[in-house]
Protein backbone atom coordinates (compact mmCIF):
# COMPACT_ATOMS: atom_id res chain seq x y z
CA MET A 1 -30.80 -59.76 22.74
CA LYS A 2 -28.76 -56.57 23.02
CA LYS A 3 -29.89 -53.37 21.41
CA TRP A 4 -27.21 -50.86 20.55
CA ARG A 5 -28.50 -47.33 20.29
CA LEU A 6 -27.86 -45.48 17.05
CA ASP A 7 -25.64 -42.87 18.74
CA PHE A 8 -23.45 -45.62 20.22
CA ARG A 9 -23.14 -47.37 16.86
CA ILE A 10 -22.27 -44.11 15.12
CA TRP A 11 -19.66 -43.41 17.82
CA HIS A 12 -18.19 -46.91 17.38
CA TRP A 13 -17.73 -46.65 13.61
CA ILE A 14 -16.40 -43.08 13.68
CA HIS A 15 -14.03 -44.15 16.46
CA ALA A 16 -12.86 -47.13 14.39
CA VAL A 17 -12.12 -44.89 11.38
CA VAL A 18 -10.28 -42.34 13.54
CA VAL A 19 -8.12 -44.94 15.31
CA LEU A 20 -7.28 -46.63 12.00
CA GLY A 21 -6.47 -43.20 10.54
CA LEU A 22 -4.15 -42.44 13.45
CA LEU A 23 -2.48 -45.82 13.03
CA GLY A 24 -2.14 -45.13 9.31
CA THR A 25 -0.44 -41.77 9.82
CA VAL A 26 2.01 -43.32 12.29
CA PHE A 27 2.69 -46.16 9.85
CA LEU A 28 3.38 -43.68 7.03
CA ARG A 29 5.57 -41.54 9.27
CA LYS A 30 7.68 -44.52 10.33
CA THR A 31 7.94 -46.08 6.85
CA PHE A 32 7.31 -44.39 3.50
CA LEU A 33 7.45 -40.86 4.88
CA SER A 34 10.31 -41.31 7.33
CA TRP A 35 12.46 -38.19 7.20
CA ARG A 36 15.60 -40.25 7.75
CA THR A 37 14.98 -42.51 4.77
CA ASN A 38 13.66 -39.75 2.54
CA SER A 39 16.42 -37.27 3.38
CA GLU A 40 18.98 -39.86 2.26
CA LEU A 41 16.96 -40.53 -0.88
CA LEU A 42 16.69 -36.81 -1.63
CA THR A 43 20.42 -36.31 -1.14
CA GLN A 44 21.19 -39.23 -3.44
CA LYS A 45 18.69 -38.35 -6.19
CA LEU A 46 19.56 -34.66 -6.19
CA ALA A 47 23.26 -35.54 -6.42
CA GLU A 48 22.46 -37.58 -9.53
CA ILE A 49 21.26 -34.38 -11.23
CA ASP A 50 24.21 -32.37 -9.89
CA VAL A 51 22.31 -30.63 -7.10
CA GLU A 52 24.15 -30.79 -3.82
CA VAL A 53 22.28 -30.40 -0.54
CA THR A 54 23.50 -30.77 3.00
CA SER A 55 22.06 -33.46 5.23
CA GLU A 56 20.26 -30.72 7.20
CA GLN A 57 18.68 -29.32 4.01
CA ALA A 58 17.59 -32.80 2.97
CA LYS A 59 16.08 -33.33 6.42
CA VAL A 60 14.09 -30.09 6.11
CA LEU A 61 12.84 -31.14 2.66
CA ALA A 62 11.90 -34.64 3.85
CA LYS A 63 9.98 -33.24 6.81
CA ALA A 64 8.21 -30.76 4.51
CA ILE A 65 7.07 -33.64 2.30
CA ARG A 66 5.41 -35.45 5.21
CA ALA A 67 4.03 -32.33 6.96
CA PRO A 68 0.59 -32.41 5.26
CA MET A 69 0.12 -36.04 6.26
CA TRP A 70 1.15 -35.28 9.83
CA GLU A 71 -1.47 -32.51 9.97
CA TRP A 72 -4.02 -35.30 9.51
CA HIS A 73 -2.61 -37.02 12.60
CA ILE A 74 -3.22 -33.84 14.59
CA ILE A 75 -6.76 -33.40 13.22
CA LEU A 76 -7.54 -37.05 13.97
CA GLY A 77 -6.08 -36.54 17.47
CA TYR A 78 -8.53 -33.68 18.09
CA THR A 79 -11.31 -35.93 16.79
CA LEU A 80 -10.21 -38.72 19.13
CA THR A 81 -10.43 -36.30 22.06
CA ALA A 82 -13.99 -35.35 21.08
CA LEU A 83 -14.88 -39.03 20.69
CA ILE A 84 -13.54 -39.80 24.17
CA VAL A 85 -15.76 -37.09 25.64
CA TRP A 86 -18.68 -38.49 23.61
CA ARG A 87 -17.94 -42.02 24.91
CA ILE A 88 -17.93 -40.80 28.50
CA ILE A 89 -21.36 -39.26 27.90
CA LEU A 90 -22.54 -42.48 26.22
CA PHE A 91 -21.42 -44.52 29.20
CA PHE A 92 -24.28 -42.99 31.14
CA THR A 93 -26.85 -44.32 28.64
CA GLU A 94 -28.28 -47.83 28.88
CA SER A 95 -26.70 -48.82 25.56
CA GLY A 96 -23.32 -47.41 26.52
CA LYS A 97 -22.98 -49.08 29.89
CA GLN A 98 -24.73 -52.41 29.27
CA ASN A 99 -21.46 -54.26 28.76
CA TYR A 100 -20.22 -53.20 32.18
CA LEU A 101 -23.27 -54.29 34.21
CA ASN A 102 -23.81 -57.63 35.97
CA ASN A 103 -20.12 -58.44 36.21
CA LYS A 104 -20.76 -61.19 38.79
CA GLU A 105 -22.68 -63.29 36.28
CA ASP A 106 -19.96 -63.14 33.61
CA THR A 107 -17.48 -65.87 32.77
CA LEU A 108 -13.79 -65.22 33.38
CA HIS A 109 -13.37 -64.63 29.65
CA LYS A 110 -16.14 -61.99 29.61
CA LYS A 111 -14.64 -60.27 32.66
CA MET A 112 -11.24 -60.17 30.97
CA VAL A 113 -12.78 -58.69 27.82
CA LYS A 114 -14.56 -56.00 29.85
CA TRP A 115 -11.36 -55.12 31.70
CA GLY A 116 -9.53 -55.06 28.38
CA TYR A 117 -11.94 -52.45 27.07
CA ILE A 118 -11.64 -50.38 30.23
CA MET A 119 -7.85 -50.51 29.91
CA ILE A 120 -7.91 -49.51 26.23
CA TYR A 121 -10.22 -46.59 27.07
CA MET A 122 -7.66 -45.48 29.68
CA VAL A 123 -4.89 -45.82 27.08
CA LEU A 124 -6.91 -43.71 24.62
CA VAL A 125 -7.47 -41.04 27.28
CA PHE A 126 -3.73 -40.99 27.96
CA MET A 127 -2.94 -40.81 24.22
CA SER A 128 -5.37 -37.95 23.77
CA VAL A 129 -4.12 -35.95 26.76
CA SER A 130 -0.45 -36.59 25.99
CA GLY A 131 -0.96 -35.74 22.30
CA LEU A 132 -2.64 -32.46 23.18
CA THR A 133 0.11 -31.73 25.71
CA ILE A 134 2.80 -32.31 23.08
CA HIS A 135 0.98 -30.16 20.54
CA PHE A 136 0.33 -27.30 22.98
CA HIS A 137 3.52 -27.61 25.05
CA GLU A 138 4.53 -23.97 24.47
CA PHE A 139 1.08 -22.68 25.43
CA LEU A 140 1.24 -24.84 28.57
CA GLY A 141 4.67 -23.45 29.42
CA LEU A 142 6.45 -26.77 28.97
CA SER A 143 9.97 -26.94 27.59
CA LYS A 144 10.81 -28.76 24.38
CA ALA A 145 12.70 -31.31 26.48
CA ILE A 146 9.61 -32.12 28.57
CA ALA A 147 7.48 -32.27 25.40
CA HIS A 148 10.02 -34.68 23.92
CA ASP A 149 9.87 -36.90 27.02
CA ILE A 150 6.07 -36.93 26.83
CA LYS A 151 6.34 -37.77 23.12
CA GLU A 152 8.57 -40.76 23.94
CA ILE A 153 5.98 -42.10 26.40
CA HIS A 154 3.16 -41.30 23.91
CA GLU A 155 4.93 -43.38 21.27
CA LEU A 156 5.59 -46.23 23.72
CA VAL A 157 1.96 -46.38 24.89
CA PHE A 158 0.87 -46.32 21.23
CA ASN A 159 1.97 -49.97 21.08
CA ALA A 160 -1.01 -50.92 23.26
CA ILE A 161 -3.34 -49.64 20.53
CA LEU A 162 -1.28 -51.36 17.88
CA ILE A 163 -1.79 -54.63 19.76
CA PHE A 164 -5.44 -54.02 20.65
CA VAL A 165 -6.77 -53.31 17.14
CA PRO A 166 -5.91 -56.68 15.56
CA LEU A 167 -6.87 -58.50 18.78
CA HIS A 168 -10.24 -56.73 18.73
CA ILE A 169 -10.87 -57.66 15.11
CA VAL A 170 -9.83 -61.28 15.60
CA GLY A 171 -11.85 -61.51 18.83
CA ILE A 172 -14.98 -60.18 17.15
CA VAL A 173 -14.62 -62.61 14.23
CA ILE A 174 -14.17 -65.52 16.65
CA ALA A 175 -17.13 -64.37 18.77
CA GLU A 176 -19.28 -64.00 15.65
CA ASN A 177 -18.50 -67.58 14.64
CA ARG A 178 -18.94 -69.09 18.10
CA ALA A 179 -20.97 -67.98 21.09
CA GLU A 180 -22.03 -64.49 20.06
CA ARG A 181 -23.55 -64.85 16.62
CA GLY A 182 -24.82 -61.52 15.33
CA ILE A 183 -22.36 -59.37 17.27
CA ILE A 184 -21.12 -57.67 14.08
CA SER A 185 -24.58 -57.06 12.63
CA ALA A 186 -25.70 -55.75 16.03
CA MET A 187 -23.10 -52.99 15.76
CA VAL A 188 -24.40 -52.21 12.26
CA HIS A 189 -28.18 -52.18 12.73
CA GLY A 190 -28.57 -52.32 16.50
CA ASN A 191 -30.12 -55.72 17.21
CA ARG A 192 -28.57 -59.07 17.82
CA LYS A 193 -30.71 -61.88 16.46
C-alpha cells in the first residue's frame, strides 16, 4: 500500500489545474481568440456598420480583446515555476520519491512510466524557464529576435504536454481498472486500499 503525503497530493491537484489552465489559454489563443481570425471578423463587422479600419488597427483591437486572457497564461506560468520548485523539494520526501525507488524490481512497463514522468518534468522545467525568458527578455538583455526564436521552441515543446495530459488520464483510468486499483483514490485521500 502506498501512502501519498498530503503536501504531495495538494501539489498534484494544484499542478493539474495549472497545467490544464495553461493548455486552456493556449487553446483559446489559437482558436476563439486568435488575432488573425478576430481581426478579419472585426474588419468585416465594422465595415457592415460603415466603420472602416485598417488591417493593422483590427490586429491591435483583436490582440487587445485577448490580452486579459493571456495575462492568465503568464500568471499560471509563474505558478508552474513555483510548483516545479515545490516538486523538487517534494522529491526529497519519502512520498515524493517513492515512485523512483527500486527500479530494478519494476516491470518494463513501470520503468517506461517512470522515465515518462522524468521526461515530462524536464519538459515542464524547460517550459517554465523558456516562458520566463520570453517574458523577461528585455530585462535579460535579449533581443526580440532571440525571444521570438525561444518562443518558437517553447511552442514546439508544448506539444509534449499536449500529448502527455490525455495519455496520463487514459493511463490512470486503465491502471485503476486493472493492476493498480485505488490509484485515483490514493491521490485523493492518501491511501491505496
